[in-house]
Amino acid sequence: MIKSMTGFGRCEIANESRRVIVEMKSVNHRYLDVAIKIPKKLTLFESPVRNLMKEYAQRGKIDIYITYEDCTENQVQLKYNEALAGEYLKYMQQMSEQFELPLDLTARSLARYPEILTMEAQELDEKEWWQLLEQAIRGAAEKFVEARIREGVQLRDDLLKKLDVMTGYVEQIEERSPEIIAEYRKKLTDKVQELLADTQVD
């Protein structure tokens, strides 16, 4: 099967909160050269993506563009540092006893002390992200391969048409070759006779 070295594929995969878009295109190259444009957040998947592409192509310079949308990106989680809260409470009780001060402490007031309650960005769910990304890569790669096959078929048909035309020319030449030789021989003879018209040759 003839496959073109040029091709294009695009795939978009989404779930309730995330969307991944993959586009890839290629040109001719002696070896497999994969260049990946991937957001910083997903760079840990660059090597798996590169390995995955080896299933779909053995040659060509392939450019892959990955973009995403994440509705949870701006969401944060509230973290409670229980050990630090205990340290605060221990030292406040110690100060209350040492200086004979009332310990008028509530959970709300304790929560206001630094680092007891913190807001942190949600951690990257690698498994979920890879499931989306792998589906998008495979979807784009399959369309990419289909495009290369389609173009390969067009190249084959074009070459066959050109071969048919060339075969026709060869047949015409072979058919006329005796006439062409005779015509060429006559032209040469006429030319020689013209050149030697006034010359006696032994």
Protein backbone atom coordinates (compact mmCIF):
# COMPACT_ATOMS: atom_id res chain seq x y z
CA MET A 1 0.00 0.00 0.00
CA ILE A 2 1.32 3.41 -1.00
CA LYS A 3 1.13 6.04 1.75
CA SER A 4 1.82 9.69 1.18
CA MET A 5 4.37 11.38 3.42
CA THR A 6 1.99 14.29 3.93
CA GLY A 7 -1.10 14.02 6.08
CA PHE A 8 -3.32 15.77 8.59
CA GLY A 9 -5.43 14.57 11.51
CA ARG A 10 -7.49 16.26 14.20
CA CYS A 11 -9.43 14.94 17.17
CA GLU A 12 -11.24 16.49 20.12
CA ILE A 13 -12.14 14.53 23.26
CA ALA A 14 -14.05 15.95 26.22
CA ASN A 15 -15.65 14.92 29.49
CA GLU A 16 -17.73 16.88 32.01
CA SER A 17 -14.90 19.22 33.00
CA ARG A 18 -12.05 18.94 30.50
CA ARG A 19 -11.46 19.05 26.75
CA VAL A 20 -8.34 18.02 24.83
CA ILE A 21 -7.70 18.94 21.18
CA VAL A 22 -4.94 17.26 19.14
CA GLU A 23 -3.87 18.23 15.62
CA MET A 24 -1.04 16.66 13.65
CA LYS A 25 0.47 17.16 10.22
CA SER A 26 3.50 15.75 8.44
CA VAL A 27 5.91 16.25 5.56
CA ASN A 28 8.43 13.91 3.99
CA HIS A 29 11.47 12.96 6.07
CA ARG A 30 13.92 10.09 5.91
CA TYR A 31 13.32 9.10 9.54
CA LEU A 32 10.54 9.53 12.09
CA ASP A 33 10.89 13.00 13.59
CA VAL A 34 8.09 13.94 16.00
CA ALA A 35 7.86 17.54 17.29
CA ILE A 36 5.29 18.09 20.05
CA LYS A 37 3.85 21.49 21.02
CA ILE A 38 2.26 20.76 24.39
CA PRO A 39 1.11 23.03 27.25
CA LYS A 40 3.46 23.21 30.22
CA LYS A 41 0.88 21.54 32.47
CA LEU A 42 0.93 18.40 30.31
CA THR A 43 4.65 18.14 29.52
CA LEU A 44 4.94 14.98 31.65
CA PHE A 45 3.00 13.19 28.88
CA GLU A 46 5.42 14.17 26.09
CA SER A 47 7.35 10.89 26.14
CA PRO A 48 4.21 8.65 26.17
CA VAL A 49 2.80 10.67 23.25
CA ARG A 50 6.04 10.22 21.31
CA ASN A 51 5.99 6.44 21.94
CA LEU A 52 2.33 6.22 20.97
CA MET A 53 3.01 7.84 17.58
CA LYS A 54 5.44 5.02 16.71
CA GLU A 55 2.38 2.77 16.36
CA TYR A 56 1.05 4.95 13.54
CA ALA A 57 4.10 6.16 11.60
CA GLN A 58 7.63 4.98 10.83
CA ARG A 59 8.76 7.92 8.69
CA GLY A 60 8.04 11.60 8.26
CA LYS A 61 8.46 14.86 10.11
CA ILE A 62 5.32 15.03 12.22
CA ASP A 63 4.22 18.15 14.11
CA ILE A 64 1.72 17.57 16.91
CA TYR A 65 -0.20 20.44 18.51
CA ILE A 66 -1.98 19.79 21.81
CA THR A 67 -4.33 22.27 23.50
CA TYR A 68 -6.80 21.87 26.33
CA GLU A 69 -9.57 23.51 28.31
CA ASP A 70 -9.98 22.74 32.00
CA CYS A 71 -13.04 24.02 33.86
CA THR A 72 -11.50 22.89 37.17
CA GLU A 73 -8.23 24.77 36.65
CA ASN A 74 -9.27 27.73 38.81
CA GLN A 75 -10.85 25.57 41.49
CA VAL A 76 -8.94 25.23 44.76
CA GLN A 77 -9.08 22.90 47.74
CA LEU A 78 -9.16 23.93 51.39
CA LYS A 79 -6.40 22.23 53.38
CA TYR A 80 -6.47 21.93 57.19
CA ASN A 81 -3.11 21.61 58.96
CA GLU A 82 -4.12 19.72 62.08
CA ALA A 83 -0.58 19.37 63.46
CA LEU A 84 0.06 23.11 63.22
CA ALA A 85 -3.30 23.90 64.88
CA GLY A 86 -2.29 21.60 67.74
CA GLU A 87 1.03 23.45 68.11
CA TYR A 88 -0.74 26.82 68.24
CA LEU A 89 -3.18 25.53 70.86
CA LYS A 90 -0.44 23.98 72.98
CA TYR A 91 1.57 27.19 73.16
CA MET A 92 -1.52 29.32 73.82
CA GLN A 93 -2.47 27.10 76.75
CA GLN A 94 1.11 27.36 78.00
CA MET A 95 1.01 31.16 77.74
CA SER A 96 -2.39 31.24 79.47
CA GLU A 97 -1.03 29.28 82.44
CA GLN A 98 2.30 31.11 82.56
CA PHE A 99 0.81 34.61 82.53
CA GLU A 100 -2.49 33.70 84.22
CA LEU A 101 -4.53 34.90 81.27
CA PRO A 102 -7.91 33.59 80.17
CA LEU A 103 -7.83 31.30 77.18
CA ASP A 104 -10.75 32.78 75.25
CA LEU A 105 -10.10 30.75 72.12
CA THR A 106 -12.63 29.44 69.59
CA ALA A 107 -12.20 27.23 66.56
CA ARG A 108 -12.98 30.21 64.32
CA SER A 109 -10.28 32.38 65.88
CA LEU A 110 -7.76 29.53 65.78
CA ALA A 111 -8.49 28.96 62.08
CA ARG A 112 -7.39 32.53 61.36
CA TYR A 113 -3.79 31.84 62.36
CA PRO A 114 -1.30 31.48 59.48
CA GLU A 115 -1.08 28.18 57.59
CA ILE A 116 -3.81 26.41 59.57
CA LEU A 117 -6.31 26.70 56.73
CA THR A 118 -4.81 27.14 53.26
CA MET A 119 -6.15 27.22 49.70
CA GLU A 120 -4.33 24.94 47.29
CA ALA A 121 -4.81 24.27 43.60
CA GLN A 122 -6.17 20.84 42.78
CA GLU A 123 -3.52 18.27 41.95
CA LEU A 124 -3.21 17.02 38.38
CA ASP A 125 -5.14 13.79 37.97
CA GLU A 126 -2.61 12.04 35.72
CA LYS A 127 -4.77 8.98 35.03
CA GLU A 128 -7.79 11.01 33.92
CA TRP A 129 -5.69 13.39 31.84
CA TRP A 130 -3.86 10.53 30.09
CA GLN A 131 -7.15 8.77 29.28
CA LEU A 132 -8.38 11.93 27.53
CA LEU A 133 -5.05 12.65 25.87
CA GLU A 134 -4.53 9.08 24.64
CA GLN A 135 -8.01 9.00 23.09
CA ALA A 136 -7.37 12.33 21.37
CA ILE A 137 -3.92 11.26 20.11
CA ARG A 138 -5.23 7.95 18.76
CA GLY A 139 -8.24 9.64 17.15
CA ALA A 140 -6.06 12.24 15.43
CA ALA A 141 -3.48 9.60 14.43
CA GLU A 142 -6.11 7.36 12.82
CA LYS A 143 -7.43 10.28 10.74
CA PHE A 144 -3.85 11.23 9.94
CA VAL A 145 -3.10 7.72 8.64
CA GLU A 146 -6.36 7.70 6.64
CA ALA A 147 -5.35 10.99 5.01
CA ARG A 148 -1.93 9.58 4.08
CA ILE A 149 -3.56 6.47 2.57
CA ARG A 150 -6.06 8.57 0.57
CA GLU A 151 -3.30 10.74 -0.79
CA GLY A 152 -1.20 7.64 -1.48
CA VAL A 153 -4.05 6.20 -3.57
CA GLN A 154 -4.25 9.46 -5.52
CA LEU A 155 -0.48 9.38 -6.11
CA ARG A 156 -0.69 5.77 -7.29
CA ASP A 157 -3.55 6.54 -9.68
CA ASP A 158 -1.69 9.56 -11.02
CA LEU A 159 1.47 7.51 -11.59
CA LEU A 160 -0.50 4.76 -13.34
CA LYS A 161 -2.12 7.30 -15.65
CA LYS A 162 1.28 8.76 -16.50
CA LEU A 163 2.62 5.25 -17.16
CA ASP A 164 -0.32 4.53 -19.47
CA VAL A 165 0.45 7.69 -21.43
CA MET A 166 4.15 6.78 -21.61
CA THR A 167 3.26 3.24 -22.75
CA GLY A 168 1.13 4.76 -25.50
CA TYR A 169 4.04 6.90 -26.64
CA VAL A 170 6.35 3.86 -26.65
CA GLU A 171 3.87 1.88 -28.75
CA GLN A 172 3.56 4.75 -31.24
CA ILE A 173 7.35 5.03 -31.46
CA GLU A 174 7.75 1.27 -31.95
CA GLU A 175 5.03 1.29 -34.63
CA ARG A 176 6.65 4.17 -36.53
CA SER A 177 10.28 3.18 -35.94
CA PRO A 178 10.77 1.56 -39.42
CA GLU A 179 9.34 4.68 -41.08
CA ILE A 180 11.41 6.97 -38.87
CA ILE A 181 14.62 5.07 -39.76
CA ALA A 182 13.79 5.17 -43.46
CA GLU A 183 12.97 8.89 -43.29
CA TYR A 184 16.18 9.63 -41.40
CA ARG A 185 18.23 7.51 -43.86
CA LYS A 186 16.73 9.39 -46.82
CA LYS A 187 17.47 12.76 -45.21
CA LEU A 188 21.09 11.75 -44.60
CA THR A 189 21.44 10.46 -48.17
CA ASP A 190 19.95 13.62 -49.64
CA LYS A 191 22.26 15.75 -47.52
CA VAL A 192 25.35 13.78 -48.56
CA GLN A 193 24.38 14.00 -52.24
CA GLU A 194 23.85 17.73 -51.88
CA LEU A 195 27.26 18.20 -50.28
CA LEU A 196 28.99 16.04 -52.91
CA ALA A 197 27.11 17.37 -55.95
CA ASP A 198 30.20 18.98 -57.53
CA THR A 199 32.75 16.47 -56.23
CA GLN A 200 34.00 13.29 -57.86
CA VAL A 201 34.32 10.51 -55.27
CA ASP A 202 35.98 7.13 -55.87
